[in-house]
PDB file of all heavy atoms in Angstrom:
ATOM      1  N   SER A   1       0.837  -1.203   0.008  1.00  0.00           N
ATOM      2  CA  SER A   1       0.015   0.010  -0.002  1.00  0.00           C
ATOM      3  C   SER A   1       0.874   1.248   0.012  1.00  0.00           C
ATOM      4  O   SER A   1       2.069   1.162   0.291  1.00  0.00           O
ATOM      5  CB  SER A   1      -0.921   0.028   1.219  1.00  0.00           C
ATOM      6  OG  SER A   1      -0.190   0.110   2.408  1.00  0.00           O
ATOM      7  N   LYS A   2       0.262   2.351  -0.295  1.00  0.00           N
ATOM      8  CA  LYS A   2       1.000   3.639  -0.249  1.00  0.00           C
ATOM      9  C   LYS A   2       0.031   4.758   0.118  1.00  0.00           C
ATOM     10  O   LYS A   2      -1.183   4.659  -0.078  1.00  0.00           O
ATOM     11  CB  LYS A   2       1.687   3.929  -1.586  1.00  0.00           C
ATOM     12  CG  LYS A   2       0.782   4.290  -2.708  1.00  0.00           C
ATOM     13  CD  LYS A   2       1.545   4.719  -3.925  1.00  0.00           C
ATOM     14  CE  LYS A   2       0.641   5.126  -5.102  1.00  0.00           C
ATOM     15  NZ  LYS A   2       1.411   5.604  -6.221  1.00  0.00           N
ATOM     16  N   LEU A   3       0.619   5.841   0.604  1.00  0.00           N
ATOM     17  CA  LEU A   3      -0.170   7.014   0.930  1.00  0.00           C
ATOM     18  C   LEU A   3      -0.168   7.968  -0.240  1.00  0.00           C
ATOM     19  O   LEU A   3       0.877   8.191  -0.891  1.00  0.00           O
ATOM     20  CB  LEU A   3       0.443   7.734   2.181  1.00  0.00           C
ATOM     21  CG  LEU A   3       0.245   7.074   3.519  1.00  0.00           C
ATOM     22  CD1 LEU A   3       1.043   7.800   4.573  1.00  0.00           C
ATOM     23  CD2 LEU A   3      -1.228   7.025   3.901  1.00  0.00           C
ATOM     24  N   ILE A   4      -1.362   8.490  -0.570  1.00  0.00           N
ATOM     25  CA  ILE A   4      -1.489   9.507  -1.635  1.00  0.00           C
ATOM     26  C   ILE A   4      -2.345  10.655  -1.097  1.00  0.00           C
ATOM     27  O   ILE A   4      -3.093  10.494  -0.117  1.00  0.00           O
ATOM     28  CB  ILE A   4      -2.139   8.905  -2.897  1.00  0.00           C
ATOM     29  CG1 ILE A   4      -3.571   8.428  -2.569  1.00  0.00           C
ATOM     30  CG2 ILE A   4      -1.308   7.796  -3.503  1.00  0.00           C
ATOM     31  CD1 ILE A   4      -4.396   8.048  -3.815  1.00  0.00           C
ATOM     32  N   PRO A   5      -2.251  11.826  -1.705  1.00  0.00           N
ATOM     33  CA  PRO A   5      -3.168  12.912  -1.319  1.00  0.00           C
ATOM     34  C   PRO A   5      -4.607  12.439  -1.466  1.00  0.00           C
ATOM     35  O   PRO A   5      -4.945  11.770  -2.452  1.00  0.00           O
ATOM     36  CB  PRO A   5      -2.840  14.010  -2.309  1.00  0.00           C
ATOM     37  CG  PRO A   5      -1.401  13.765  -2.698  1.00  0.00           C
ATOM     38  CD  PRO A   5      -1.268  12.264  -2.696  1.00  0.00           C
ATOM     39  N   VAL A   6      -5.441  12.742  -0.509  1.00  0.00           N
ATOM     40  CA  VAL A   6      -6.845  12.266  -0.501  1.00  0.00           C
ATOM     41  C   VAL A   6      -7.566  12.697  -1.756  1.00  0.00           C
ATOM     42  O   VAL A   6      -8.441  11.982  -2.269  1.00  0.00           O
ATOM     43  CB  VAL A   6      -7.572  12.736   0.753  1.00  0.00           C
ATOM     44  CG1 VAL A   6      -7.773  14.269   0.773  1.00  0.00           C
ATOM     45  CG2 VAL A   6      -8.899  12.018   0.920  1.00  0.00           C
ATOM     46  N   THR A   7      -7.224  13.845  -2.347  1.00  0.00           N
ATOM     47  CA  THR A   7      -7.910  14.354  -3.514  1.00  0.00           C
ATOM     48  C   THR A   7      -7.565  13.552  -4.771  1.00  0.00           C
ATOM     49  O   THR A   7      -8.156  13.782  -5.846  1.00  0.00           O
ATOM     50  CB  THR A   7      -7.543  15.846  -3.730  1.00  0.00           C
ATOM     51  OG1 THR A   7      -6.124  15.986  -3.814  1.00  0.00           O
ATOM     52  CG2 THR A   7      -8.100  16.710  -2.641  1.00  0.00           C
ATOM     53  N   GLN A   8      -6.589  12.643  -4.690  1.00  0.00           N
ATOM     54  CA  GLN A   8      -6.241  11.829  -5.829  1.00  0.00           C
ATOM     55  C   GLN A   8      -6.900  10.452  -5.711  1.00  0.00           C
ATOM     56  O   GLN A   8      -6.729   9.589  -6.608  1.00  0.00           O
ATOM     57  CB  GLN A   8      -4.736  11.657  -5.920  1.00  0.00           C
ATOM     58  CG  GLN A   8      -4.006  12.951  -6.297  1.00  0.00           C
ATOM     59  CD  GLN A   8      -2.508  12.774  -6.285  1.00  0.00           C
ATOM     60  OE1 GLN A   8      -1.957  11.658  -6.471  1.00  0.00           O
ATOM     61  NE2 GLN A   8      -1.787  13.858  -6.051  1.00  0.00           N
ATOM     62  N   SER A   9      -7.613  10.198  -4.645  1.00  0.00           N
ATOM     63  CA  SER A   9      -8.251   8.896  -4.451  1.00  0.00           C
ATOM     64  C   SER A   9      -9.569   8.838  -5.177  1.00  0.00           C
ATOM     65  O   SER A   9     -10.302   9.825  -5.279  1.00  0.00           O
ATOM     66  CB  SER A   9      -8.474   8.645  -2.963  1.00  0.00           C
ATOM     67  OG  SER A   9      -9.496   9.453  -2.456  1.00  0.00           O
ATOM     68  N   LYS A  10      -9.874   7.669  -5.683  1.00  0.00           N
ATOM     69  CA  LYS A  10     -11.148   7.496  -6.437  1.00  0.00           C
ATOM     70  C   LYS A  10     -12.339   7.699  -5.522  1.00  0.00           C
ATOM     71  O   LYS A  10     -13.379   8.187  -5.986  1.00  0.00           O
ATOM     72  CB  LYS A  10     -11.172   6.143  -7.125  1.00  0.00           C
ATOM     73  CG  LYS A  10     -12.296   6.014  -8.106  1.00  0.00           C
ATOM     74  CD  LYS A  10     -12.135   4.818  -9.026  1.00  0.00           C
ATOM     75  CE  LYS A  10     -13.253   4.797 -10.059  1.00  0.00           C
ATOM     76  NZ  LYS A  10     -13.105   3.637 -10.990  1.00  0.00           N
ATOM     77  N   GLU A  11     -12.194   7.316  -4.276  1.00  0.00           N
ATOM     78  CA  GLU A  11     -13.311   7.468  -3.317  1.00  0.00           C
ATOM     79  C   GLU A  11     -13.660   8.960  -3.130  1.00  0.00           C
ATOM     80  O   GLU A  11     -14.850   9.321  -3.138  1.00  0.00           O
ATOM     81  CB  GLU A  11     -12.973   6.818  -1.990  1.00  0.00           C
ATOM     82  CG  GLU A  11     -12.905   5.295  -2.031  1.00  0.00           C
ATOM     83  CD  GLU A  11     -11.610   4.773  -2.669  1.00  0.00           C
ATOM     84  OE1 GLU A  11     -10.668   5.584  -2.902  1.00  0.00           O
ATOM     85  OE2 GLU A  11     -11.577   3.571  -3.018  1.00  0.00           O
ATOM     86  N   TRP A  12     -12.671   9.745  -2.953  1.00  0.00           N
ATOM     87  CA  TRP A  12     -12.879  11.216  -2.747  1.00  0.00           C
ATOM     88  C   TRP A  12     -13.481  11.808  -4.024  1.00  0.00           C
ATOM     89  O   TRP A  12     -14.456  12.608  -3.965  1.00  0.00           O
ATOM     90  CB  TRP A  12     -11.603  11.902  -2.389  1.00  0.00           C
ATOM     91  CG  TRP A  12     -11.730  13.335  -1.997  1.00  0.00           C
ATOM     92  CD1 TRP A  12     -12.011  13.853  -0.766  1.00  0.00           C
ATOM     93  CD2 TRP A  12     -11.653  14.490  -2.902  1.00  0.00           C
ATOM     94  NE1 TRP A  12     -12.110  15.228  -0.821  1.00  0.00           N
ATOM     95  CE2 TRP A  12     -11.882  15.641  -2.127  1.00  0.00           C
ATOM     96  CE3 TRP A  12     -11.427  14.622  -4.255  1.00  0.00           C
ATOM     97  CZ2 TRP A  12     -11.865  16.929  -2.634  1.00  0.00           C
ATOM     98  CZ3 TRP A  12     -11.414  15.920  -4.797  1.00  0.00           C
ATOM     99  CH2 TRP A  12     -11.627  17.028  -3.997  1.00  0.00           C
ATOM    100  N   LEU A  13     -12.910  11.488  -5.148  1.00  0.00           N
ATOM    101  CA  LEU A  13     -13.384  12.012  -6.439  1.00  0.00           C
ATOM    102  C   LEU A  13     -14.803  11.564  -6.731  1.00  0.00           C
ATOM    103  O   LEU A  13     -15.641  12.316  -7.249  1.00  0.00           O
ATOM    104  CB  LEU A  13     -12.461  11.595  -7.562  1.00  0.00           C
ATOM    105  CG  LEU A  13     -11.097  12.273  -7.600  1.00  0.00           C
ATOM    106  CD1 LEU A  13     -10.144  11.542  -8.513  1.00  0.00           C
ATOM    107  CD2 LEU A  13     -11.209  13.757  -7.995  1.00  0.00           C
ATOM    108  N   GLU A  14     -15.104  10.299  -6.356  1.00  0.00           N
ATOM    109  CA  GLU A  14     -16.464   9.772  -6.601  1.00  0.00           C
ATOM    110  C   GLU A  14     -17.501  10.597  -5.854  1.00  0.00           C
ATOM    111  O   GLU A  14     -18.556  10.911  -6.351  1.00  0.00           O
ATOM    112  CB  GLU A  14     -16.503   8.295  -6.151  1.00  0.00           C
ATOM    113  CG  GLU A  14     -17.853   7.655  -6.441  1.00  0.00           C
ATOM    114  CD  GLU A  14     -17.800   6.136  -6.074  1.00  0.00           C
ATOM    115  OE1 GLU A  14     -16.975   5.745  -5.254  1.00  0.00           O
ATOM    116  OE2 GLU A  14     -18.659   5.403  -6.606  1.00  0.00           O
ATOM    117  N   GLU A  15     -17.175  10.968  -4.600  1.00  0.00           N
ATOM    118  CA  GLU A  15     -18.115  11.772  -3.817  1.00  0.00           C
ATOM    119  C   GLU A  15     -18.282  13.139  -4.470  1.00  0.00           C
ATOM    120  O   GLU A  15     -19.422  13.695  -4.516  1.00  0.00           O
ATOM    121  CB  GLU A  15     -17.629  11.941  -2.400  1.00  0.00           C
ATOM    122  CG  GLU A  15     -18.578  12.727  -1.498  1.00  0.00           C
ATOM    123  CD  GLU A  15     -18.118  12.851  -0.064  1.00  0.00           C
ATOM    124  OE1 GLU A  15     -17.130  12.182   0.298  1.00  0.00           O
ATOM    125  OE2 GLU A  15     -18.740  13.648   0.650  1.00  0.00           O
ATOM    126  N   VAL A  16     -17.174  13.738  -4.950  1.00  0.00           N
ATOM    127  CA  VAL A  16     -17.274  15.047  -5.592  1.00  0.00           C
ATOM    128  C   VAL A  16     -18.111  14.967  -6.841  1.00  0.00           C
ATOM    129  O   VAL A  16     -19.007  15.801  -7.065  1.00  0.00           O
ATOM    130  CB  VAL A  16     -15.855  15.582  -5.923  1.00  0.00           C
ATOM    131  CG1 VAL A  16     -15.940  16.832  -6.777  1.00  0.00           C
ATOM    132  CG2 VAL A  16     -15.106  15.919  -4.633  1.00  0.00           C
ATOM    133  N   PHE A  17     -17.834  13.995  -7.691  1.00  0.00           N
ATOM    134  CA  PHE A  17     -18.566  13.854  -8.970  1.00  0.00           C
ATOM    135  C   PHE A  17     -20.031  13.530  -8.808  1.00  0.00           C
ATOM    136  O   PHE A  17     -20.874  14.041  -9.491  1.00  0.00           O
ATOM    137  CB  PHE A  17     -17.885  12.784  -9.852  1.00  0.00           C
ATOM    138  CG  PHE A  17     -16.532  13.165 -10.358  1.00  0.00           C
ATOM    139  CD1 PHE A  17     -15.583  12.196 -10.640  1.00  0.00           C
ATOM    140  CD2 PHE A  17     -16.190  14.495 -10.593  1.00  0.00           C
ATOM    141  CE1 PHE A  17     -14.318  12.536 -11.122  1.00  0.00           C
ATOM    142  CE2 PHE A  17     -14.928  14.862 -11.058  1.00  0.00           C
ATOM    143  CZ  PHE A  17     -13.990  13.878 -11.308  1.00  0.00           C
ATOM    144  N   GLU A  18     -20.321  12.641  -7.862  1.00  0.00           N
ATOM    145  CA  GLU A  18     -21.668  12.141  -7.721  1.00  0.00           C
ATOM    146  C   GLU A  18     -22.553  12.959  -6.773  1.00  0.00           C
ATOM    147  O   GLU A  18     -23.771  12.978  -6.913  1.00  0.00           O
ATOM    148  CB  GLU A  18     -21.644  10.660  -7.242  1.00  0.00           C
ATOM    149  CG  GLU A  18     -21.029   9.733  -8.305  1.00  0.00           C
ATOM    150  CD  GLU A  18     -21.159   8.259  -7.871  1.00  0.00           C
ATOM    151  OE1 GLU A  18     -21.785   7.996  -6.850  1.00  0.00           O
ATOM    152  OE2 GLU A  18     -20.672   7.421  -8.631  1.00  0.00           O
ATOM    153  N   GLU A  19     -21.927  13.630  -5.793  1.00  0.00           N
ATOM    154  CA  GLU A  19     -22.724  14.271  -4.739  1.00  0.00           C
ATOM    155  C   GLU A  19     -22.580  15.799  -4.683  1.00  0.00           C
ATOM    156  O   GLU A  19     -23.451  16.473  -4.128  1.00  0.00           O
ATOM    157  CB  GLU A  19     -22.368  13.661  -3.361  1.00  0.00           C
ATOM    158  CG  GLU A  19     -22.479  12.180  -3.256  1.00  0.00           C
ATOM    159  CD  GLU A  19     -23.920  11.661  -3.395  1.00  0.00           C
ATOM    160  OE1 GLU A  19     -24.831  12.484  -3.137  1.00  0.00           O
ATOM    161  OE2 GLU A  19     -24.115  10.499  -3.766  1.00  0.00           O
ATOM    162  N   GLN A  20     -21.536  16.319  -5.249  1.00  0.00           N
ATOM    163  CA  GLN A  20     -21.241  17.763  -4.963  1.00  0.00           C
ATOM    164  C   GLN A  20     -21.185  18.665  -6.186  1.00  0.00           C
ATOM    165  O   GLN A  20     -21.875  19.666  -6.225  1.00  0.00           O
ATOM    166  CB  GLN A  20     -19.896  17.860  -4.211  1.00  0.00           C
ATOM    167  CG  GLN A  20     -19.872  17.130  -2.869  1.00  0.00           C
ATOM    168  CD  GLN A  20     -18.523  17.222  -2.169  1.00  0.00           C
ATOM    169  OE1 GLN A  20     -17.736  18.109  -2.433  1.00  0.00           O
ATOM    170  NE2 GLN A  20     -18.265  16.267  -1.272  1.00  0.00           N
ATOM    171  N   VAL A  21     -20.368  18.315  -7.130  1.00  0.00           N
ATOM    172  CA  VAL A  21     -20.048  19.264  -8.216  1.00  0.00           C
ATOM    173  C   VAL A  21     -21.232  19.735  -9.026  1.00  0.00           C
ATOM    174  O   VAL A  21     -21.358  20.911  -9.349  1.00  0.00           O
ATOM    175  CB  VAL A  21     -18.896  18.718  -9.117  1.00  0.00           C
ATOM    176  CG1 VAL A  21     -19.430  17.592  -9.981  1.00  0.00           C
ATOM    177  CG2 VAL A  21     -18.283  19.800  -9.928  1.00  0.00           C
ATOM    178  N   CYS A  22     -22.135  18.833  -9.351  1.00  0.00           N
ATOM    179  CA  CYS A  22     -23.296  19.235 -10.171  1.00  0.00           C
ATOM    180  C   CYS A  22     -24.280  20.114  -9.406  1.00  0.00           C
ATOM    181  O   CYS A  22     -24.963  20.972  -9.983  1.00  0.00           O
ATOM    182  CB  CYS A  22     -24.015  18.012 -10.744  1.00  0.00           C
ATOM    183  SG  CYS A  22     -23.083  17.220 -12.094  1.00  0.00           S
ATOM    184  N   GLY A  23     -24.272  19.934  -8.080  1.00  0.00           N
ATOM    185  CA  GLY A  23     -25.091  20.830  -7.236  1.00  0.00           C
ATOM    186  C   GLY A  23     -24.565  22.248  -7.284  1.00  0.00           C
ATOM    187  O   GLY A  23     -25.354  23.222  -7.374  1.00  0.00           O
ATOM    188  N   VAL A  24     -23.261  22.389  -7.242  1.00  0.00           N
ATOM    189  CA  VAL A  24     -22.620  23.716  -7.368  1.00  0.00           C
ATOM    190  C   VAL A  24     -22.925  24.345  -8.707  1.00  0.00           C
ATOM    191  O   VAL A  24     -23.256  25.540  -8.825  1.00  0.00           O
ATOM    192  CB  VAL A  24     -21.114  23.593  -7.131  1.00  0.00           C
ATOM    193  CG1 VAL A  24     -20.418  24.941  -7.408  1.00  0.00           C
ATOM    194  CG2 VAL A  24     -20.810  23.156  -5.693  1.00  0.00           C
ATOM    195  N   ILE A  25     -22.784  23.545  -9.782  1.00  0.00           N
ATOM    196  CA  ILE A  25     -23.001  24.072 -11.104  1.00  0.00           C
ATOM    197  C   ILE A  25     -24.459  24.457 -11.297  1.00  0.00           C
ATOM    198  O   ILE A  25     -24.725  25.504 -11.918  1.00  0.00           O
ATOM    199  CB  ILE A  25     -22.532  23.032 -12.152  1.00  0.00           C
ATOM    200  CG1 ILE A  25     -21.013  22.900 -12.095  1.00  0.00           C
ATOM    201  CG2 ILE A  25     -22.994  23.410 -13.555  1.00  0.00           C
ATOM    202  CD1 ILE A  25     -20.459  21.769 -12.932  1.00  0.00           C
ATOM    203  N   ALA A  26     -25.372  23.669 -10.798  1.00  0.00           N
ATOM    204  CA  ALA A  26     -26.811  23.986 -10.941  1.00  0.00           C
ATOM    205  C   ALA A  26     -27.137  25.317 -10.241  1.00  0.00           C
ATOM    206  O   ALA A  26     -28.023  26.077 -10.645  1.00  0.00           O
ATOM    207  CB  ALA A  26     -27.664  22.878 -10.378  1.00  0.00           C
ATOM    208  N   GLU A  27     -26.376  25.611  -9.149  1.00  0.00           N
ATOM    209  CA  GLU A  27     -26.671  26.785  -8.358  1.00  0.00           C
ATOM    210  C   GLU A  27     -25.929  28.052  -8.890  1.00  0.00           C
ATOM    211  O   GLU A  27     -26.512  29.157  -8.891  1.00  0.00           O
ATOM    212  CB  GLU A  27     -26.249  26.573  -6.901  1.00  0.00           C
ATOM    213  CG  GLU A  27     -26.546  27.717  -5.960  1.00  0.00           C
ATOM    214  CD  GLU A  27     -26.267  27.381  -4.517  1.00  0.00           C
ATOM    215  OE1 GLU A  27     -26.192  26.202  -4.148  1.00  0.00           O
ATOM    216  OE2 GLU A  27     -26.058  28.340  -3.732  1.00  0.00           O
ATOM    217  N   ASP A  28     -24.714  27.904  -9.323  1.00  0.00           N
ATOM    218  CA  ASP A  28     -23.867  29.049  -9.661  1.00  0.00           C
ATOM    219  C   ASP A  28     -23.790  29.338 -11.152  1.00  0.00           C
ATOM    220  O   ASP A  28     -23.210  30.352 -11.556  1.00  0.00           O
ATOM    221  CB  ASP A  28     -22.466  28.849  -9.125  1.00  0.00           C
ATOM    222  CG  ASP A  28     -22.417  28.861  -7.604  1.00  0.00           C
ATOM    223  OD1 ASP A  28     -23.391  29.302  -6.986  1.00  0.00           O
ATOM    224  OD2 ASP A  28     -21.394  28.393  -7.017  1.00  0.00           O
ATOM    225  N   TYR A  29     -24.333  28.436 -11.982  1.00  0.00           N
ATOM    226  CA  TYR A  29     -24.265  28.608 -13.439  1.00  0.00           C
ATOM    227  C   TYR A  29     -25.649  28.904 -13.993  1.00  0.00           C
ATOM    228  O   TYR A  29     -26.668  28.600 -13.360  1.00  0.00           O
ATOM    229  CB  TYR A  29     -23.682  27.372 -14.080  1.00  0.00           C
ATOM    230  CG  TYR A  29     -22.188  27.150 -13.868  1.00  0.00           C
ATOM    231  CD1 TYR A  29     -21.685  26.948 -12.583  1.00  0.00           C
ATOM    232  CD2 TYR A  29     -21.290  27.142 -14.936  1.00  0.00           C
ATOM    233  CE1 TYR A  29     -20.334  26.751 -12.366  1.00  0.00           C
ATOM    234  CE2 TYR A  29     -19.941  26.964 -14.731  1.00  0.00           C
ATOM    235  CZ  TYR A  29     -19.459  26.798 -13.452  1.00  0.00           C
ATOM    236  OH  TYR A  29     -18.110  26.574 -13.251  1.00  0.00           O
ATOM    237  N   VAL A  30     -25.695  29.383 -15.206  1.00  0.00           N
ATOM    238  CA  VAL A  30     -26.954  29.713 -15.867  1.00  0.00           C
ATOM    239  C   VAL A  30     -26.918  29.180 -17.322  1.00  0.00           C
ATOM    240  O   VAL A  30     -25.853  29.132 -17.934  1.00  0.00           O
ATOM    241  CB  VAL A  30     -27.251  31.230 -15.912  1.00  0.00           C
ATOM    242  CG1 VAL A  30     -26.194  31.967 -16.711  1.00  0.00           C
ATOM    243  CG2 VAL A  30     -28.610  31.544 -16.382  1.00  0.00           C
ATOM    244  N   LYS A  31     -28.045  28.699 -17.760  1.00  0.00           N
ATOM    245  CA  LYS A  31     -28.140  28.316 -19.177  1.00  0.00           C
ATOM    246  C   LYS A  31     -28.419  29.577 -19.973  1.00  0.00           C
ATOM    247  O   LYS A  31     -29.359  30.331 -19.682  1.00  0.00           O
ATOM    248  CB  LYS A  31     -29.264  27.320 -19.373  1.00  0.00           C
ATOM    249  CG  LYS A  31     -29.306  26.698 -20.813  1.00  0.00           C
ATOM    250  CD  LYS A  31     -30.366  25.650 -20.967  1.00  0.00           C
ATOM    251  CE  LYS A  31     -31.702  26.259 -21.308  1.00  0.00           C
ATOM    252  NZ  LYS A  31     -32.730  25.250 -21.600  1.00  0.00           N
TER     253      LYS A  31
END
């Protein structure tokens, strides 16, 4: 095993992609 920055882990990215980023875009962006 090895230690990596948490932001490079698939688990962390999965949460961002599936739970967070589109909510931000829906709120802060406009069509």
